[in-house]
Amino acid sequence: MEIDQKWWRHFDDPTLDVLIAEAMINNKTLQIAEARVEEAWAGRRAARSLLLPQVGGSVGAPRGNLGYFTNNQEVSFYEAEFIATRDFDLFGRNQARTAVATAVLQSEEATRQAVRVGLLAGVARNYFDMRNCERQIELTKQNLEKPKKTLELIQAQMQATKASYILIG
């Protein structure tokens, strides 16, 4: 099952998009996981190749002097050889190698997927934690303004009370 790896775009936040892109490009753990997947693919191809016929060939053009039969003249011979062999896998050794290589490939792909999901989740979590802290700072600043206004009102009331005592008194 393929996981939607562009889920963060639903937040429509260009900063998050940039952070995710940079993380995907620069993360060494993800690069190692991707290299291991490529290596597993190569291993699987090598294992599967053992199930196919092996084909080989060679071409040669030796020159030589055969002496009496050629009147001491150099003679060129052209040779071509074609070889095709088929290894019958009676006991299933090559099939087993292919199955193991396929399992290794699937394991490495799952590991890569897990690394990507963890990386994306980590970047998004840290980004949203930062945004949350920014919002908390903003709210704290707003909350600090309220006591200042309350103090100003109390001071104004005290001034008004003093003025009324002076007028009455």
Protein backbone atom coordinates (compact mmCIF):
# COMPACT_ATOMS: atom_id res chain seq x y z
CA MET A 1 0.00 0.00 0.00
CA GLU A 2 1.48 3.32 -1.08
CA ILE A 3 1.21 6.13 1.42
CA ASP A 4 0.23 9.62 0.30
CA GLN A 5 3.52 11.44 0.77
CA LYS A 6 2.22 14.86 -0.19
CA TRP A 7 -0.26 15.15 2.69
CA TRP A 8 1.36 18.31 4.04
CA ARG A 9 0.20 20.24 0.96
CA HIS A 10 -3.32 20.19 2.40
CA PHE A 11 -2.10 22.82 4.88
CA ASP A 12 -1.37 25.16 1.96
CA ASP A 13 1.75 26.54 3.67
CA PRO A 14 4.62 27.46 1.30
CA THR A 15 7.15 27.53 4.14
CA LEU A 16 6.29 23.96 5.09
CA ASP A 17 6.58 22.94 1.41
CA VAL A 18 10.10 24.37 1.25
CA LEU A 19 11.16 22.72 4.52
CA ILE A 20 9.85 19.33 3.38
CA ALA A 21 11.59 19.65 0.00
CA GLU A 22 14.91 20.53 1.65
CA ALA A 23 14.59 17.66 4.10
CA MET A 24 13.87 15.17 1.30
CA ILE A 25 16.90 16.33 -0.68
CA ASN A 26 19.41 16.68 2.15
CA ASN A 27 18.55 13.85 4.56
CA LYS A 28 21.42 11.34 4.64
CA THR A 29 19.34 8.57 6.20
CA LEU A 30 16.86 8.76 3.34
CA GLN A 31 19.69 8.78 0.80
CA ILE A 32 21.14 5.64 2.40
CA ALA A 33 17.73 3.95 2.35
CA GLU A 34 17.29 4.79 -1.34
CA ALA A 35 20.77 3.46 -2.14
CA ARG A 36 19.91 0.21 -0.34
CA VAL A 37 16.75 -0.15 -2.42
CA GLU A 38 18.83 0.25 -5.60
CA GLU A 39 21.28 -2.33 -4.30
CA ALA A 40 18.42 -4.73 -3.54
CA TRP A 41 17.04 -4.24 -7.06
CA ALA A 42 20.45 -5.16 -8.48
CA GLY A 43 20.60 -8.25 -6.26
CA ARG A 44 17.16 -9.33 -7.40
CA ARG A 45 18.08 -8.85 -11.07
CA ALA A 46 21.22 -10.94 -10.54
CA ALA A 47 19.24 -13.70 -8.80
CA ARG A 48 16.58 -13.72 -11.52
CA SER A 49 19.23 -13.91 -14.23
CA LEU A 50 20.19 -17.35 -12.91
CA LEU A 51 16.75 -18.59 -13.96
CA LEU A 52 17.36 -17.62 -17.59
CA PRO A 53 19.53 -19.36 -20.18
CA GLN A 54 23.12 -18.17 -20.23
CA VAL A 55 24.33 -17.03 -23.63
CA GLY A 56 27.93 -16.34 -24.63
CA GLY A 57 30.06 -16.12 -27.67
CA SER A 58 33.42 -15.23 -29.06
CA VAL A 59 34.91 -14.24 -32.37
CA GLY A 60 38.52 -14.64 -33.39
CA ALA A 61 40.72 -14.03 -36.41
CA PRO A 62 44.06 -15.76 -35.85
CA ARG A 63 46.78 -15.46 -38.44
CA GLY A 64 49.46 -17.95 -38.90
CA ASN A 65 51.77 -19.87 -41.16
CA LEU A 66 50.80 -23.47 -41.49
CA GLY A 67 53.95 -24.33 -43.38
CA TYR A 68 53.86 -26.83 -46.20
CA PHE A 69 50.09 -26.76 -46.81
CA THR A 70 49.98 -22.99 -47.30
CA ASN A 71 53.22 -22.65 -49.22
CA ASN A 72 54.69 -20.70 -46.29
CA GLN A 73 52.15 -17.93 -46.79
CA GLU A 74 50.32 -16.34 -43.87
CA VAL A 75 46.73 -17.44 -43.70
CA SER A 76 43.87 -15.85 -41.73
CA PHE A 77 41.21 -17.95 -40.16
CA TYR A 78 37.93 -16.56 -38.88
CA GLU A 79 36.24 -18.29 -36.04
CA ALA A 80 32.98 -17.65 -34.29
CA GLU A 81 31.69 -19.53 -31.32
CA PHE A 82 28.22 -19.31 -29.81
CA ILE A 83 27.38 -20.98 -26.52
CA ALA A 84 23.98 -21.21 -24.87
CA THR A 85 23.53 -23.10 -21.64
CA ARG A 86 20.53 -23.70 -19.44
CA ASP A 87 20.94 -24.65 -15.81
CA PHE A 88 17.96 -26.74 -14.76
CA ASP A 89 17.05 -25.79 -11.23
CA LEU A 90 16.07 -29.28 -10.08
CA PHE A 91 16.31 -28.58 -6.36
CA GLY A 92 15.02 -25.00 -6.47
CA ARG A 93 18.25 -23.32 -5.39
CA ASN A 94 17.94 -20.49 -7.94
CA GLN A 95 14.23 -20.08 -7.21
CA ALA A 96 15.07 -19.78 -3.52
CA ARG A 97 17.75 -17.19 -4.26
CA THR A 98 15.23 -15.19 -6.27
CA ALA A 99 12.68 -15.42 -3.47
CA VAL A 100 15.25 -14.26 -0.92
CA ALA A 101 16.33 -11.38 -3.16
CA THR A 102 12.69 -10.37 -3.63
CA ALA A 103 12.11 -10.45 0.13
CA VAL A 104 15.23 -8.32 0.70
CA LEU A 105 13.99 -5.84 -1.91
CA GLN A 106 10.57 -5.61 -0.26
CA SER A 107 12.20 -5.13 3.13
CA GLU A 108 14.43 -2.33 1.85
CA GLU A 109 11.49 -0.63 0.14
CA ALA A 110 9.50 -0.80 3.39
CA THR A 111 12.48 0.63 5.27
CA ARG A 112 12.77 3.48 2.78
CA GLN A 113 9.05 4.15 3.12
CA ALA A 114 9.34 4.19 6.92
CA VAL A 115 12.30 6.58 6.78
CA ARG A 116 10.35 8.93 4.47
CA VAL A 117 7.26 8.88 6.66
CA GLY A 118 9.33 9.48 9.79
CA LEU A 119 11.23 12.32 8.12
CA LEU A 120 8.07 14.00 6.87
CA ALA A 121 6.34 13.62 10.22
CA GLY A 122 9.35 14.98 12.09
CA VAL A 123 9.69 18.04 9.88
CA ALA A 124 5.95 18.77 10.05
CA ARG A 125 5.80 18.23 13.83
CA ASN A 126 8.74 20.56 14.45
CA TYR A 127 7.30 23.15 12.07
CA PHE A 128 3.90 23.11 13.75
CA ASP A 129 5.51 23.19 17.20
CA MET A 130 7.38 26.31 16.11
CA ARG A 131 4.19 27.87 14.75
CA ASN A 132 2.41 27.02 18.02
CA CYS A 133 5.18 28.69 20.04
CA GLU A 134 4.96 31.77 17.82
CA ARG A 135 1.19 31.91 18.43
CA GLN A 136 1.66 31.49 22.18
CA ILE A 137 4.16 34.38 22.20
CA GLU A 138 1.68 36.51 20.27
CA LEU A 139 -1.13 35.67 22.71
CA THR A 140 1.13 36.36 25.69
CA LYS A 141 1.97 39.78 24.27
CA GLN A 142 -1.74 40.48 23.78
CA ASN A 143 -2.46 39.32 27.33
CA LEU A 144 0.22 41.64 28.67
CA GLU A 145 -1.57 44.59 27.09
CA LYS A 146 -4.77 43.90 29.07
CA PRO A 147 -3.24 44.41 32.54
CA LYS A 148 -1.58 47.60 31.27
CA LYS A 149 -4.95 48.94 30.14
CA THR A 150 -6.51 47.86 33.42
CA LEU A 151 -3.76 49.68 35.33
CA GLU A 152 -4.32 52.79 33.24
CA LEU A 153 -8.07 52.64 34.02
CA ILE A 154 -7.43 52.21 37.75
CA GLN A 155 -4.97 55.11 37.71
CA ALA A 156 -7.49 57.25 35.84
CA GLN A 157 -10.18 56.33 38.38
CA MET A 158 -7.85 57.19 41.23
CA GLN A 159 -7.09 60.56 39.64
CA ALA A 160 -10.79 61.16 39.18
CA THR A 161 -11.45 60.17 42.81
CA LYS A 162 -8.73 62.54 44.04
CA ALA A 163 -10.13 65.31 41.89
CA SER A 164 -13.63 64.76 43.26
CA TYR A 165 -12.35 64.87 46.87
CA ILE A 166 -10.59 68.09 46.10
CA LEU A 167 -13.73 69.59 44.54
CA ILE A 168 -15.99 68.33 47.33
CA GLY A 169 -13.62 68.89 50.11
